[in-house]
Amino acid sequence: MAGETEAAVKTFADLGMCEQLVEACGRLGWKNPTKIQVEAIPHALQGKDLIALAQTGSGKTAAFALPTLQALLQSSVTSAPVFYACVLSPTRLSPPSSKKQTSF
């Protein structure tokens, strides 16, 4: 089933990302979602809990950051309940990398 999902998904818009974030991905040079993003983003957008395991450089940071940003963007528009996200980084390398990639 994962192979079928990957074949059907060609863009971040196909994953259900809002236009503002799709454009941001394009500005970053991210043309197509990676395998971990295809598998994780739709679940995160549905509000499901995620645990993801993938190699370094596979796109894990974007896989959790994009849905988090989308939820925050939507909550600021709709006055939805407060959104919570907890990101656990088990290695010394991941936290600085995650902070750098998600800082504004």
C-alpha atoms as a PDB file:
ATOM      1  CA  MET A   1       0.000   0.000   0.000  1.00  0.00           C
ATOM      2  CA  ALA A   2       2.861   2.406   0.749  1.00  0.00           C
ATOM      3  CA  GLY A   3       4.101   2.038  -2.821  1.00  0.00           C
ATOM      4  CA  GLU A   4       0.655   2.927  -4.151  1.00  0.00           C
ATOM      5  CA  THR A   5       0.508   5.991  -1.894  1.00  0.00           C
ATOM      6  CA  GLU A   6       3.943   7.163  -3.026  1.00  0.00           C
ATOM      7  CA  ALA A   7       3.035   6.714  -6.692  1.00  0.00           C
ATOM      8  CA  ALA A   8      -0.142   8.806  -6.304  1.00  0.00           C
ATOM      9  CA  VAL A   9       1.581  11.644  -4.417  1.00  0.00           C
ATOM     10  CA  LYS A  10       3.669  13.944  -6.558  1.00  0.00           C
ATOM     11  CA  THR A  11       3.561  17.276  -4.702  1.00  0.00           C
ATOM     12  CA  PHE A  12       3.171  18.715  -1.227  1.00  0.00           C
ATOM     13  CA  ALA A  13      -0.281  19.924  -2.314  1.00  0.00           C
ATOM     14  CA  ASP A  14      -1.216  16.276  -2.972  1.00  0.00           C
ATOM     15  CA  LEU A  15      -0.455  15.604   0.713  1.00  0.00           C
ATOM     16  CA  GLY A  16      -2.995  18.213   1.778  1.00  0.00           C
ATOM     17  CA  MET A  17      -0.601  21.039   2.601  1.00  0.00           C
ATOM     18  CA  CYS A  18      -2.024  24.571   2.398  1.00  0.00           C
ATOM     19  CA  GLU A  19      -0.996  26.801  -0.513  1.00  0.00           C
ATOM     20  CA  GLN A  20       1.139  29.046   1.704  1.00  0.00           C
ATOM     21  CA  LEU A  21       3.318  26.094   2.793  1.00  0.00           C
ATOM     22  CA  VAL A  22       3.379  24.550  -0.686  1.00  0.00           C
ATOM     23  CA  GLU A  23       4.814  27.849  -1.948  1.00  0.00           C
ATOM     24  CA  ALA A  24       7.326  27.913   0.921  1.00  0.00           C
ATOM     25  CA  CYS A  25       8.473  24.398   0.012  1.00  0.00           C
ATOM     26  CA  GLY A  26       8.965  25.549  -3.569  1.00  0.00           C
ATOM     27  CA  ARG A  27      11.061  28.515  -2.433  1.00  0.00           C
ATOM     28  CA  LEU A  28      13.233  26.078  -0.464  1.00  0.00           C
ATOM     29  CA  GLY A  29      13.707  23.991  -3.603  1.00  0.00           C
ATOM     30  CA  TRP A  30      11.627  21.072  -2.317  1.00  0.00           C
ATOM     31  CA  LYS A  31       9.873  19.923  -5.471  1.00  0.00           C
ATOM     32  CA  ASN A  32       8.579  16.544  -4.328  1.00  0.00           C
ATOM     33  CA  PRO A  33       7.955  15.075  -0.887  1.00  0.00           C
ATOM     34  CA  THR A  34      10.275  12.317   0.307  1.00  0.00           C
ATOM     35  CA  LYS A  35       9.099   8.855   1.302  1.00  0.00           C
ATOM     36  CA  ILE A  36       8.926   9.715   5.026  1.00  0.00           C
ATOM     37  CA  GLN A  37       6.989  12.897   4.219  1.00  0.00           C
ATOM     38  CA  VAL A  38       4.500  10.996   2.044  1.00  0.00           C
ATOM     39  CA  GLU A  39       3.924   8.509   4.847  1.00  0.00           C
ATOM     40  CA  ALA A  40       3.848  10.951   7.800  1.00  0.00           C
ATOM     41  CA  ILE A  41       2.310  14.249   6.681  1.00  0.00           C
ATOM     42  CA  PRO A  42      -1.226  13.012   5.899  1.00  0.00           C
ATOM     43  CA  HIS A  43      -1.473  11.336   9.326  1.00  0.00           C
ATOM     44  CA  ALA A  44      -0.155  14.429  11.096  1.00  0.00           C
ATOM     45  CA  LEU A  45      -2.625  16.637   9.222  1.00  0.00           C
ATOM     46  CA  GLN A  46      -5.410  14.410  10.577  1.00  0.00           C
ATOM     47  CA  GLY A  47      -4.173  15.132  14.099  1.00  0.00           C
ATOM     48  CA  LYS A  48      -2.766  11.662  14.664  1.00  0.00           C
ATOM     49  CA  ASP A  49       0.291  11.029  16.802  1.00  0.00           C
ATOM     50  CA  LEU A  50       3.465  10.163  14.901  1.00  0.00           C
ATOM     51  CA  ILE A  51       6.637   8.265  15.520  1.00  0.00           C
ATOM     52  CA  ALA A  52       8.968   8.330  12.531  1.00  0.00           C
ATOM     53  CA  LEU A  53      12.212   6.532  11.914  1.00  0.00           C
ATOM     54  CA  ALA A  54      14.254   7.280   8.806  1.00  0.00           C
ATOM     55  CA  GLN A  55      17.825   7.972   7.782  1.00  0.00           C
ATOM     56  CA  THR A  56      19.549  11.308   8.296  1.00  0.00           C
ATOM     57  CA  GLY A  57      18.683  13.688   5.473  1.00  0.00           C
ATOM     58  CA  SER A  58      15.447  11.911   4.577  1.00  0.00           C
ATOM     59  CA  GLY A  59      13.145  14.838   5.399  1.00  0.00           C
ATOM     60  CA  LYS A  60      11.967  13.944   8.913  1.00  0.00           C
ATOM     61  CA  THR A  61      12.179  17.531  10.158  1.00  0.00           C
ATOM     62  CA  ALA A  62       9.849  18.759   7.413  1.00  0.00           C
ATOM     63  CA  ALA A  63       7.597  15.731   7.960  1.00  0.00           C
ATOM     64  CA  PHE A  64       6.728  16.977  11.457  1.00  0.00           C
ATOM     65  CA  ALA A  65       7.337  20.727  11.006  1.00  0.00           C
ATOM     66  CA  LEU A  66       5.075  21.287   7.991  1.00  0.00           C
ATOM     67  CA  PRO A  67       1.923  19.809   9.596  1.00  0.00           C
ATOM     68  CA  THR A  68       2.730  21.671  12.820  1.00  0.00           C
ATOM     69  CA  LEU A  69       3.038  24.955  10.927  1.00  0.00           C
ATOM     70  CA  GLN A  70      -0.176  24.245   9.011  1.00  0.00           C
ATOM     71  CA  ALA A  71      -2.078  23.578  12.236  1.00  0.00           C
ATOM     72  CA  LEU A  72      -0.740  26.816  13.719  1.00  0.00           C
ATOM     73  CA  LEU A  73      -1.679  28.772  10.591  1.00  0.00           C
ATOM     74  CA  GLN A  74      -5.184  27.299  10.635  1.00  0.00           C
ATOM     75  CA  SER A  75      -5.674  27.884  14.359  1.00  0.00           C
ATOM     76  CA  SER A  76      -4.754  31.550  13.979  1.00  0.00           C
ATOM     77  CA  VAL A  77      -7.492  31.880  11.328  1.00  0.00           C
ATOM     78  CA  THR A  78     -10.213  29.737  12.881  1.00  0.00           C
ATOM     79  CA  SER A  79      -9.624  30.369  16.596  1.00  0.00           C
ATOM     80  CA  ALA A  80      -9.327  26.603  17.040  1.00  0.00           C
ATOM     81  CA  PRO A  81      -8.120  25.141  20.343  1.00  0.00           C
ATOM     82  CA  VAL A  82      -4.463  25.551  21.196  1.00  0.00           C
ATOM     83  CA  PHE A  83      -2.194  23.238  19.220  1.00  0.00           C
ATOM     84  CA  TYR A  84       0.490  21.185  20.968  1.00  0.00           C
ATOM     85  CA  ALA A  85       3.549  19.536  19.453  1.00  0.00           C
ATOM     86  CA  CYS A  86       6.265  17.623  21.243  1.00  0.00           C
ATOM     87  CA  VAL A  87       9.384  16.800  19.256  1.00  0.00           C
ATOM     88  CA  LEU A  88      11.857  14.349  20.748  1.00  0.00           C
ATOM     89  CA  SER A  89      15.343  14.227  19.259  1.00  0.00           C
ATOM     90  CA  PRO A  90      17.360  11.278  20.557  1.00  0.00           C
ATOM     91  CA  THR A  91      20.774  12.278  19.227  1.00  0.00           C
ATOM     92  CA  ARG A  92      23.106  15.225  19.709  1.00  0.00           C
ATOM     93  CA  LEU A  93      23.015  16.044  15.994  1.00  0.00           C
ATOM     94  CA  SER A  94      19.236  16.250  15.508  1.00  0.00           C
ATOM     95  CA  PRO A  95      18.243  19.072  17.906  1.00  0.00           C
ATOM     96  CA  PRO A  96      20.556  21.734  16.387  1.00  0.00           C
ATOM     97  CA  SER A  97      19.560  20.595  12.896  1.00  0.00           C
ATOM     98  CA  SER A  98      15.831  20.730  13.734  1.00  0.00           C
ATOM     99  CA  LYS A  99      16.173  24.168  15.325  1.00  0.00           C
ATOM    100  CA  LYS A 100      18.046  25.526  12.306  1.00  0.00           C
ATOM    101  CA  GLN A 101      15.494  24.152   9.837  1.00  0.00           C
ATOM    102  CA  THR A 102      12.459  25.448  11.732  1.00  0.00           C
ATOM    103  CA  SER A 103      13.692  28.867  12.902  1.00  0.00           C
ATOM    104  CA  PHE A 104      12.176  31.980  11.408  1.00  0.00           C
END
